[in-house]
Amino acid sequence: MPQARVEQLKEKIATVKAHMRKLKRIEKVLPNAPDEQISLTDPDARSMATSGRGTGIVGYNVQAAVDTRNQLTGAPSWSEVSMGSPATSTLPS
């Protein structure tokens, strides 16, 4: 096997081992995370079920009441899906 190919494979193995170490660290903190979920891009995002069987998206459940006559938004709130039940919080006005 050419030496260049050997070096390339060694680099790939090192990359996979580094990724495995990162996943092991995540695995240790996962049981203490809210809903036993960790979003690697946004810590506040949660996996939410969609209408498709066994499918979901990572995002937020946001709701707001709107006064169309005065064009005002009132009582905005957000919720994180928590073990099947939303944990709701009202945003400051």
C-alpha atoms as a PDB file:
ATOM      1  CA  MET A   1       0.000   0.000   0.000  1.00  0.00           C
ATOM      2  CA  PRO A   2       1.441   3.434  -0.898  1.00  0.00           C
ATOM      3  CA  GLN A   3       2.671   5.532   2.030  1.00  0.00           C
ATOM      4  CA  ALA A   4       0.356   8.433   1.070  1.00  0.00           C
ATOM      5  CA  ARG A   5      -2.657   6.132   1.377  1.00  0.00           C
ATOM      6  CA  VAL A   6      -1.440   4.880   4.774  1.00  0.00           C
ATOM      7  CA  GLU A   7      -1.123   8.455   6.021  1.00  0.00           C
ATOM      8  CA  GLN A   8      -4.588   9.316   4.708  1.00  0.00           C
ATOM      9  CA  LEU A   9      -6.097   6.347   6.546  1.00  0.00           C
ATOM     10  CA  LYS A  10      -4.251   7.278   9.763  1.00  0.00           C
ATOM     11  CA  GLU A  11      -5.731  10.789   9.542  1.00  0.00           C
ATOM     12  CA  LYS A  12      -9.227   9.378   9.029  1.00  0.00           C
ATOM     13  CA  ILE A  13      -8.808   7.046  12.004  1.00  0.00           C
ATOM     14  CA  ALA A  14      -7.603   9.951  14.170  1.00  0.00           C
ATOM     15  CA  THR A  15     -10.622  12.030  13.108  1.00  0.00           C
ATOM     16  CA  VAL A  16     -13.042   9.208  13.945  1.00  0.00           C
ATOM     17  CA  LYS A  17     -11.371   8.651  17.337  1.00  0.00           C
ATOM     18  CA  ALA A  18     -11.644  12.377  18.145  1.00  0.00           C
ATOM     19  CA  HIS A  19     -15.328  12.319  17.185  1.00  0.00           C
ATOM     20  CA  MET A  20     -15.893   9.267  19.387  1.00  0.00           C
ATOM     21  CA  ARG A  21     -14.267  11.074  22.356  1.00  0.00           C
ATOM     22  CA  LYS A  22     -16.608  14.017  21.793  1.00  0.00           C
ATOM     23  CA  LEU A  23     -19.632  11.699  21.684  1.00  0.00           C
ATOM     24  CA  LYS A  24     -18.518  10.014  24.921  1.00  0.00           C
ATOM     25  CA  ARG A  25     -18.399  13.423  26.649  1.00  0.00           C
ATOM     26  CA  ILE A  26     -21.896  14.182  25.357  1.00  0.00           C
ATOM     27  CA  GLU A  27     -23.110  10.766  26.517  1.00  0.00           C
ATOM     28  CA  LYS A  28     -21.976  11.558  30.080  1.00  0.00           C
ATOM     29  CA  VAL A  29     -23.991  14.801  30.313  1.00  0.00           C
ATOM     30  CA  LEU A  30     -27.043  13.539  28.403  1.00  0.00           C
ATOM     31  CA  PRO A  31     -28.880  12.038  31.429  1.00  0.00           C
ATOM     32  CA  ASN A  32     -28.734  15.435  33.204  1.00  0.00           C
ATOM     33  CA  ALA A  33     -29.974  17.414  30.187  1.00  0.00           C
ATOM     34  CA  PRO A  34     -33.595  18.640  30.015  1.00  0.00           C
ATOM     35  CA  ASP A  35     -35.715  15.947  28.341  1.00  0.00           C
ATOM     36  CA  GLU A  36     -32.507  13.958  27.919  1.00  0.00           C
ATOM     37  CA  GLN A  37     -31.918  15.926  24.702  1.00  0.00           C
ATOM     38  CA  ILE A  38     -28.892  17.922  23.627  1.00  0.00           C
ATOM     39  CA  SER A  39     -28.897  20.153  20.580  1.00  0.00           C
ATOM     40  CA  LEU A  40     -25.359  20.641  19.304  1.00  0.00           C
ATOM     41  CA  THR A  41     -26.270  23.857  17.482  1.00  0.00           C
ATOM     42  CA  ASP A  42     -28.787  25.526  19.832  1.00  0.00           C
ATOM     43  CA  PRO A  43     -29.144  24.482  23.483  1.00  0.00           C
ATOM     44  CA  ASP A  44     -32.717  25.827  23.655  1.00  0.00           C
ATOM     45  CA  ALA A  45     -34.032  23.848  20.664  1.00  0.00           C
ATOM     46  CA  ARG A  46     -35.914  20.588  21.218  1.00  0.00           C
ATOM     47  CA  SER A  47     -36.971  17.726  19.014  1.00  0.00           C
ATOM     48  CA  MET A  48     -40.689  18.031  18.314  1.00  0.00           C
ATOM     49  CA  ALA A  49     -42.891  15.421  16.688  1.00  0.00           C
ATOM     50  CA  THR A  50     -44.441  16.111  13.302  1.00  0.00           C
ATOM     51  CA  SER A  51     -47.457  14.546  11.652  1.00  0.00           C
ATOM     52  CA  GLY A  52     -45.365  11.972   9.795  1.00  0.00           C
ATOM     53  CA  ARG A  53     -44.910   8.647  11.526  1.00  0.00           C
ATOM     54  CA  GLY A  54     -41.631   8.550  13.424  1.00  0.00           C
ATOM     55  CA  THR A  55     -40.507  11.946  12.151  1.00  0.00           C
ATOM     56  CA  GLY A  56     -39.706  15.203  13.883  1.00  0.00           C
ATOM     57  CA  ILE A  57     -37.934  18.517  13.626  1.00  0.00           C
ATOM     58  CA  VAL A  58     -35.628  20.372  15.964  1.00  0.00           C
ATOM     59  CA  GLY A  59     -37.109  23.746  16.789  1.00  0.00           C
ATOM     60  CA  TYR A  60     -39.362  25.769  19.066  1.00  0.00           C
ATOM     61  CA  ASN A  61     -43.075  25.947  19.758  1.00  0.00           C
ATOM     62  CA  VAL A  62     -43.865  29.676  19.624  1.00  0.00           C
ATOM     63  CA  GLN A  63     -47.296  31.220  19.937  1.00  0.00           C
ATOM     64  CA  ALA A  64     -48.477  34.838  20.012  1.00  0.00           C
ATOM     65  CA  ALA A  65     -51.771  36.674  20.270  1.00  0.00           C
ATOM     66  CA  VAL A  66     -52.223  39.538  17.780  1.00  0.00           C
ATOM     67  CA  ASP A  67     -54.584  42.506  17.987  1.00  0.00           C
ATOM     68  CA  THR A  68     -55.229  43.056  14.266  1.00  0.00           C
ATOM     69  CA  ARG A  69     -57.144  46.300  14.770  1.00  0.00           C
ATOM     70  CA  ASN A  70     -54.225  48.015  16.510  1.00  0.00           C
ATOM     71  CA  GLN A  71     -51.544  45.817  14.914  1.00  0.00           C
ATOM     72  CA  LEU A  72     -50.031  44.873  18.269  1.00  0.00           C
ATOM     73  CA  THR A  73     -48.560  41.591  19.385  1.00  0.00           C
ATOM     74  CA  GLY A  74     -49.522  40.622  22.890  1.00  0.00           C
ATOM     75  CA  ALA A  75     -48.695  37.744  25.237  1.00  0.00           C
ATOM     76  CA  PRO A  76     -45.959  36.072  23.205  1.00  0.00           C
ATOM     77  CA  SER A  77     -44.882  32.755  24.688  1.00  0.00           C
ATOM     78  CA  TRP A  78     -42.639  29.865  23.865  1.00  0.00           C
ATOM     79  CA  SER A  79     -42.501  26.315  25.051  1.00  0.00           C
ATOM     80  CA  GLU A  80     -40.079  23.465  24.993  1.00  0.00           C
ATOM     81  CA  VAL A  81     -41.488  20.009  24.578  1.00  0.00           C
ATOM     82  CA  SER A  82     -40.699  18.264  27.851  1.00  0.00           C
ATOM     83  CA  MET A  83     -41.291  14.506  28.029  1.00  0.00           C
ATOM     84  CA  GLY A  84     -44.393  14.901  25.870  1.00  0.00           C
ATOM     85  CA  SER A  85     -45.744  17.949  27.742  1.00  0.00           C
ATOM     86  CA  PRO A  86     -44.855  21.535  26.899  1.00  0.00           C
ATOM     87  CA  ALA A  87     -43.055  23.561  29.566  1.00  0.00           C
ATOM     88  CA  THR A  88     -44.415  27.032  28.807  1.00  0.00           C
ATOM     89  CA  SER A  89     -42.936  30.403  29.590  1.00  0.00           C
ATOM     90  CA  THR A  90     -44.243  33.883  28.763  1.00  0.00           C
ATOM     91  CA  LEU A  91     -41.716  36.230  27.215  1.00  0.00           C
ATOM     92  CA  PRO A  92     -41.214  39.641  28.821  1.00  0.00           C
ATOM     93  CA  SER A  93     -43.218  42.428  27.173  1.00  0.00           C
END
